[in-house]
Each structure stands twice: as C-alpha cells, then as structure tokens.
C-alpha atoms as a PDB file:
ATOM      1  CA  UNK A   1      -7.669 -25.159  26.335  1.00  0.00           C
ATOM      2  CA  UNK A   2     -10.042 -22.522  24.974  1.00  0.00           C
ATOM      3  CA  UNK A   3     -10.348 -24.465  21.713  1.00  0.00           C
ATOM      4  CA  UNK A   4     -12.626 -27.028  23.353  1.00  0.00           C
ATOM      5  CA  UNK A   5     -15.219 -24.280  23.940  1.00  0.00           C
ATOM      6  CA  UNK A   6     -15.188 -22.998  20.368  1.00  0.00           C
ATOM      7  CA  UNK A   7     -17.916 -23.940  17.958  1.00  0.00           C
ATOM      8  CA  UNK A   8     -16.979 -25.109  14.460  1.00  0.00           C
ATOM      9  CA  UNK A   9     -17.191 -21.599  12.954  1.00  0.00           C
ATOM     10  CA  UNK A  10     -14.678 -20.166  15.399  1.00  0.00           C
ATOM     11  CA  UNK A  11     -12.477 -23.254  15.356  1.00  0.00           C
ATOM     12  CA  UNK A  12     -12.081 -22.828  11.591  1.00  0.00           C
ATOM     13  CA  UNK A  13     -10.900 -19.230  12.115  1.00  0.00           C
ATOM     14  CA  UNK A  14      -8.091 -20.497  14.360  1.00  0.00           C
ATOM     15  CA  UNK A  15      -6.543 -22.387  11.433  1.00  0.00           C
ATOM     16  CA  UNK A  16      -3.790 -20.616   9.493  1.00  0.00           C
ATOM     17  CA  UNK A  17      -5.057 -19.661   6.040  1.00  0.00           C
ATOM     18  CA  UNK A  18      -3.825 -21.402   2.903  1.00  0.00           C
ATOM     19  CA  UNK A  19      -2.859 -19.598  -0.305  1.00  0.00           C
ATOM     20  CA  UNK A  20      -1.712 -16.296   1.190  1.00  0.00           C
ATOM     21  CA  UNK A  21       0.156 -13.210   0.102  1.00  0.00           C
ATOM     22  CA  UNK A  22       2.587 -11.595   2.498  1.00  0.00           C
ATOM     23  CA  UNK A  23       2.127  -8.131   3.946  1.00  0.00           C
ATOM     24  CA  UNK A  24       4.446  -6.344   6.343  1.00  0.00           C
ATOM     25  CA  UNK A  25       3.518  -3.697   8.887  1.00  0.00           C
ATOM     26  CA  UNK A  26       6.493  -1.446   9.620  1.00  0.00           C
ATOM     27  CA  UNK A  27       6.187   0.416  12.901  1.00  0.00           C
ATOM     28  CA  UNK A  28       8.752   3.169  13.519  1.00  0.00           C
ATOM     29  CA  UNK A  29       9.309   1.824  17.045  1.00  0.00           C
ATOM     30  CA  UNK A  30      12.110  -0.118  18.692  1.00  0.00           C
ATOM     31  CA  UNK A  31      10.087  -2.919  20.302  1.00  0.00           C
ATOM     32  CA  UNK A  32      11.376  -6.193  21.664  1.00  0.00           C
ATOM     33  CA  UNK A  33       9.533  -9.368  20.574  1.00  0.00           C
ATOM     34  CA  UNK A  34       7.288  -9.427  23.656  1.00  0.00           C
ATOM     35  CA  UNK A  35       6.286  -5.772  23.234  1.00  0.00           C
ATOM     36  CA  UNK A  36       5.656  -6.368  19.520  1.00  0.00           C
ATOM     37  CA  UNK A  37       3.456  -9.365  20.220  1.00  0.00           C
ATOM     38  CA  UNK A  38       1.438  -8.041  23.129  1.00  0.00           C
ATOM     39  CA  UNK A  39       1.040  -4.435  21.960  1.00  0.00           C
ATOM     40  CA  UNK A  40       0.208  -5.188  18.315  1.00  0.00           C
ATOM     41  CA  UNK A  41       0.631  -8.774  17.096  1.00  0.00           C
ATOM     42  CA  UNK A  42      -1.903 -10.708  19.147  1.00  0.00           C
ATOM     43  CA  UNK A  43      -4.612  -8.062  18.670  1.00  0.00           C
ATOM     44  CA  UNK A  44      -4.105  -7.818  14.914  1.00  0.00           C
ATOM     45  CA  UNK A  45      -3.974 -11.604  14.625  1.00  0.00           C
ATOM     46  CA  UNK A  46      -7.358 -11.871  16.354  1.00  0.00           C
ATOM     47  CA  UNK A  47      -8.957  -9.176  14.179  1.00  0.00           C
ATOM     48  CA  UNK A  48      -7.588 -10.653  10.927  1.00  0.00           C
ATOM     49  CA  UNK A  49      -8.785 -14.143  11.898  1.00  0.00           C
ATOM     50  CA  UNK A  50     -12.237 -12.942  12.963  1.00  0.00           C
ATOM     51  CA  UNK A  51     -12.607 -11.116   9.649  1.00  0.00           C
ATOM     52  CA  UNK A  52     -11.481 -14.287   7.857  1.00  0.00           C
ATOM     53  CA  UNK A  53      -8.821 -12.461   5.847  1.00  0.00           C
ATOM     54  CA  UNK A  54      -5.535 -13.719   7.301  1.00  0.00           C
ATOM     55  CA  UNK A  55      -3.382 -13.861  10.398  1.00  0.00           C
ATOM     56  CA  UNK A  56      -0.363 -12.187  11.953  1.00  0.00           C
ATOM     57  CA  UNK A  57       2.584 -14.519  12.019  1.00  0.00           C
ATOM     58  CA  UNK A  58       5.400 -12.912  14.021  1.00  0.00           C
ATOM     59  CA  UNK A  59       7.897 -10.315  12.946  1.00  0.00           C
ATOM     60  CA  UNK A  60      11.368  -8.919  13.457  1.00  0.00           C
ATOM     61  CA  UNK A  61      13.329  -5.686  13.785  1.00  0.00           C
ATOM     62  CA  UNK A  62      14.715  -3.685  10.856  1.00  0.00           C
ATOM     63  CA  UNK A  63      17.639  -1.310  11.241  1.00  0.00           C
ATOM     64  CA  UNK A  64      19.668   0.694   8.775  1.00  0.00           C
ATOM     65  CA  UNK A  65      22.233  -0.836   6.425  1.00  0.00           C
ATOM     66  CA  UNK A  66      24.995  -1.278   9.027  1.00  0.00           C
ATOM     67  CA  UNK A  67      23.774  -2.648  12.362  1.00  0.00           C
ATOM     68  CA  UNK A  68      27.302  -2.631  13.821  1.00  0.00           C
ATOM     69  CA  UNK A  69      27.768   1.148  13.565  1.00  0.00           C
ATOM     70  CA  UNK A  70      26.998   2.456  17.079  1.00  0.00           C
ATOM     71  CA  UNK A  71      26.832   6.079  15.861  1.00  0.00           C
ATOM     72  CA  UNK A  72      24.268   5.349  13.172  1.00  0.00           C
ATOM     73  CA  UNK A  73      21.006   7.252  13.489  1.00  0.00           C
ATOM     74  CA  UNK A  74      18.976   5.406  10.868  1.00  0.00           C
ATOM     75  CA  UNK A  75      15.443   4.695  12.003  1.00  0.00           C
ATOM     76  CA  UNK A  76      14.610   1.402  13.633  1.00  0.00           C
ATOM     77  CA  UNK A  77      11.405  -0.345  12.571  1.00  0.00           C
ATOM     78  CA  UNK A  78       9.547  -3.196  14.165  1.00  0.00           C
ATOM     79  CA  UNK A  79       8.062  -5.444  11.474  1.00  0.00           C
ATOM     80  CA  UNK A  80       4.883  -7.477  11.835  1.00  0.00           C
ATOM     81  CA  UNK A  81       4.378 -10.289   9.341  1.00  0.00           C
ATOM     82  CA  UNK A  82       0.849 -10.733   8.006  1.00  0.00           C
ATOM     83  CA  UNK A  83      -0.347 -13.699   5.950  1.00  0.00           C
ATOM     84  CA  UNK A  84      -3.309 -12.366   3.968  1.00  0.00           C
ATOM     85  CA  UNK A  85      -5.832 -14.504   2.141  1.00  0.00           C
ATOM     86  CA  UNK A  86      -7.457 -11.285   0.872  1.00  0.00           C
ATOM     87  CA  UNK A  87      -4.925  -8.435   0.573  1.00  0.00           C
ATOM     88  CA  UNK A  88      -7.390  -5.543   0.229  1.00  0.00           C
ATOM     89  CA  UNK A  89      -9.562  -6.741   3.113  1.00  0.00           C
ATOM     90  CA  UNK A  90      -6.514  -7.372   5.317  1.00  0.00           C
ATOM     91  CA  UNK A  91      -5.239  -3.852   4.559  1.00  0.00           C
ATOM     92  CA  UNK A  92      -8.629  -2.471   5.628  1.00  0.00           C
ATOM     93  CA  UNK A  93      -8.533  -4.402   8.900  1.00  0.00           C
ATOM     94  CA  UNK A  94      -4.989  -3.196   9.585  1.00  0.00           C
ATOM     95  CA  UNK A  95      -5.810   0.436   8.755  1.00  0.00           C
ATOM     96  CA  UNK A  96      -8.784   0.311  11.125  1.00  0.00           C
ATOM     97  CA  UNK A  97      -7.046  -1.284  14.100  1.00  0.00           C
ATOM     98  CA  UNK A  98      -3.464  -0.001  13.996  1.00  0.00           C
ATOM     99  CA  UNK A  99      -4.433   3.551  15.069  1.00  0.00           C
ATOM    100  CA  UNK A 100      -6.674   2.088  17.795  1.00  0.00           C
ATOM    101  CA  UNK A 101      -3.609   0.236  19.093  1.00  0.00           C
ATOM    102  CA  UNK A 102      -1.556   3.429  19.111  1.00  0.00           C
ATOM    103  CA  UNK A 103       0.600   3.077  16.031  1.00  0.00           C
ATOM    104  CA  UNK A 104       2.763   6.171  15.535  1.00  0.00           C
ATOM    105  CA  UNK A 105       2.887   8.428  12.482  1.00  0.00           C
ATOM    106  CA  UNK A 106       5.166   6.875   9.907  1.00  0.00           C
ATOM    107  CA  UNK A 107       3.619   3.412  10.223  1.00  0.00           C
ATOM    108  CA  UNK A 108       3.631   1.594   6.875  1.00  0.00           C
ATOM    109  CA  UNK A 109       1.717  -1.370   5.469  1.00  0.00           C
ATOM    110  CA  UNK A 110       3.737  -2.991   2.679  1.00  0.00           C
ATOM    111  CA  UNK A 111       1.908  -5.240   0.270  1.00  0.00           C
ATOM    112  CA  UNK A 112       2.548  -6.841  -3.150  1.00  0.00           C
ATOM    113  CA  UNK A 113       3.511  -4.846  -6.231  1.00  0.00           C
ATOM    114  CA  UNK A 114       5.955  -2.634  -4.282  1.00  0.00           C
ATOM    115  CA  UNK A 115       3.164  -0.562  -2.726  1.00  0.00           C
ATOM    116  CA  UNK A 116       2.488   0.729   0.774  1.00  0.00           C
ATOM    117  CA  UNK A 117      -0.183   2.491   2.808  1.00  0.00           C
ATOM    118  CA  UNK A 118       1.263   5.282   5.024  1.00  0.00           C
ATOM    119  CA  UNK A 119      -0.128   6.551   8.309  1.00  0.00           C
ATOM    120  CA  UNK A 120       0.564  10.235   9.015  1.00  0.00           C
ATOM    121  CA  UNK A 121      -1.061  10.414  12.456  1.00  0.00           C
ATOM    122  CA  UNK A 122      -4.402  11.625  11.081  1.00  0.00           C
ATOM    123  CA  UNK A 123      -5.208   9.238   8.249  1.00  0.00           C
ATOM    124  CA  UNK A 124      -3.829   6.867   5.664  1.00  0.00           C
ATOM    125  CA  UNK A 125      -2.305   7.628   2.277  1.00  0.00           C
ATOM    126  CA  UNK A 126      -3.136   4.585   0.169  1.00  0.00           C
ATOM    127  CA  UNK A 127      -1.264   2.792  -2.615  1.00  0.00           C
ATOM    128  CA  UNK A 128       1.976   4.778  -2.430  1.00  0.00           C
ATOM    129  CA  UNK A 129       5.289   3.597  -3.866  1.00  0.00           C
ATOM    130  CA  UNK A 130       7.341   1.849  -1.188  1.00  0.00           C
ATOM    131  CA  UNK A 131       9.643   4.141   0.728  1.00  0.00           C
ATOM    132  CA  UNK A 132      11.732   1.374   2.335  1.00  0.00           C
ATOM    133  CA  UNK A 133      13.154  -1.630   0.485  1.00  0.00           C
ATOM    134  CA  UNK A 134      15.459  -4.576   0.983  1.00  0.00           C
ATOM    135  CA  UNK A 135      14.102  -6.511   3.958  1.00  0.00           C
ATOM    136  CA  UNK A 136      11.795  -9.190   2.488  1.00  0.00           C
END
C-alpha cells in the first residue's frame, strides 16, 4: 500500500539489489524469528536500502556443533543475512546502527575473505580473522 505514495527515487530503493556479496551479522542472542525481524532486521533493512548499499534478507539461529545435546553450553547466535551491493559501505551502516539497536558485546559482522568486525560494547575492532566458522 505505501508503495503507491513513493516517488521513483524511493521506489527504486525498495527493489532488492543485483550483484551482491553476502554478509552475516551474528548476534550472541537467542531470538526467535519475530524478535530477530522486529528488533534488528526491519530497521537494518531500511537503513541499508536508504543508503543504497544493500538489504537485510532474513536470518536463522546458530548453535554449537550438536544441537541435540541438552547439556551443551555452547553459545547461541542469531544470524541476520545481509545482501550487500557495496560491502564496505554496508559494514559502515551496520556498525553505526547495530549499537543504536542495542546489539550486545560479542556481535560480529562476517564478510568475504574470512574476515569479521567485532563489537566489544564500546567500539568495533575491524578486519579481524573470523572467530566462528562453518555456517554459510
């Protein structure tokens, strides 16, 4: 419905970008899909689209190696999928808005070449080697 009120510039931003690279935001939180979407996903999607650098396209939950082990205490992560048409610009948008949305320390932004940006609660450590593997 809102699309009929958008001018051509905004309507173009509603289209999913072509020719993207995939980024993953790993939040050390156990969120269900609705919490993931309404606490983080829809806001990040809007900011990425307005900046013209990508979109957020869903996500999932990541557990340790053995999901069936009830006694396991491996961390649980909520993943947000990001389709980025400009990886560096999308990382900048994510680093700006994730803390505003209340991301916890330990939040990671994974991007190509096995690298990640890490949030420690005060700032970001950029271009670190990935600390978590095996989900993409």
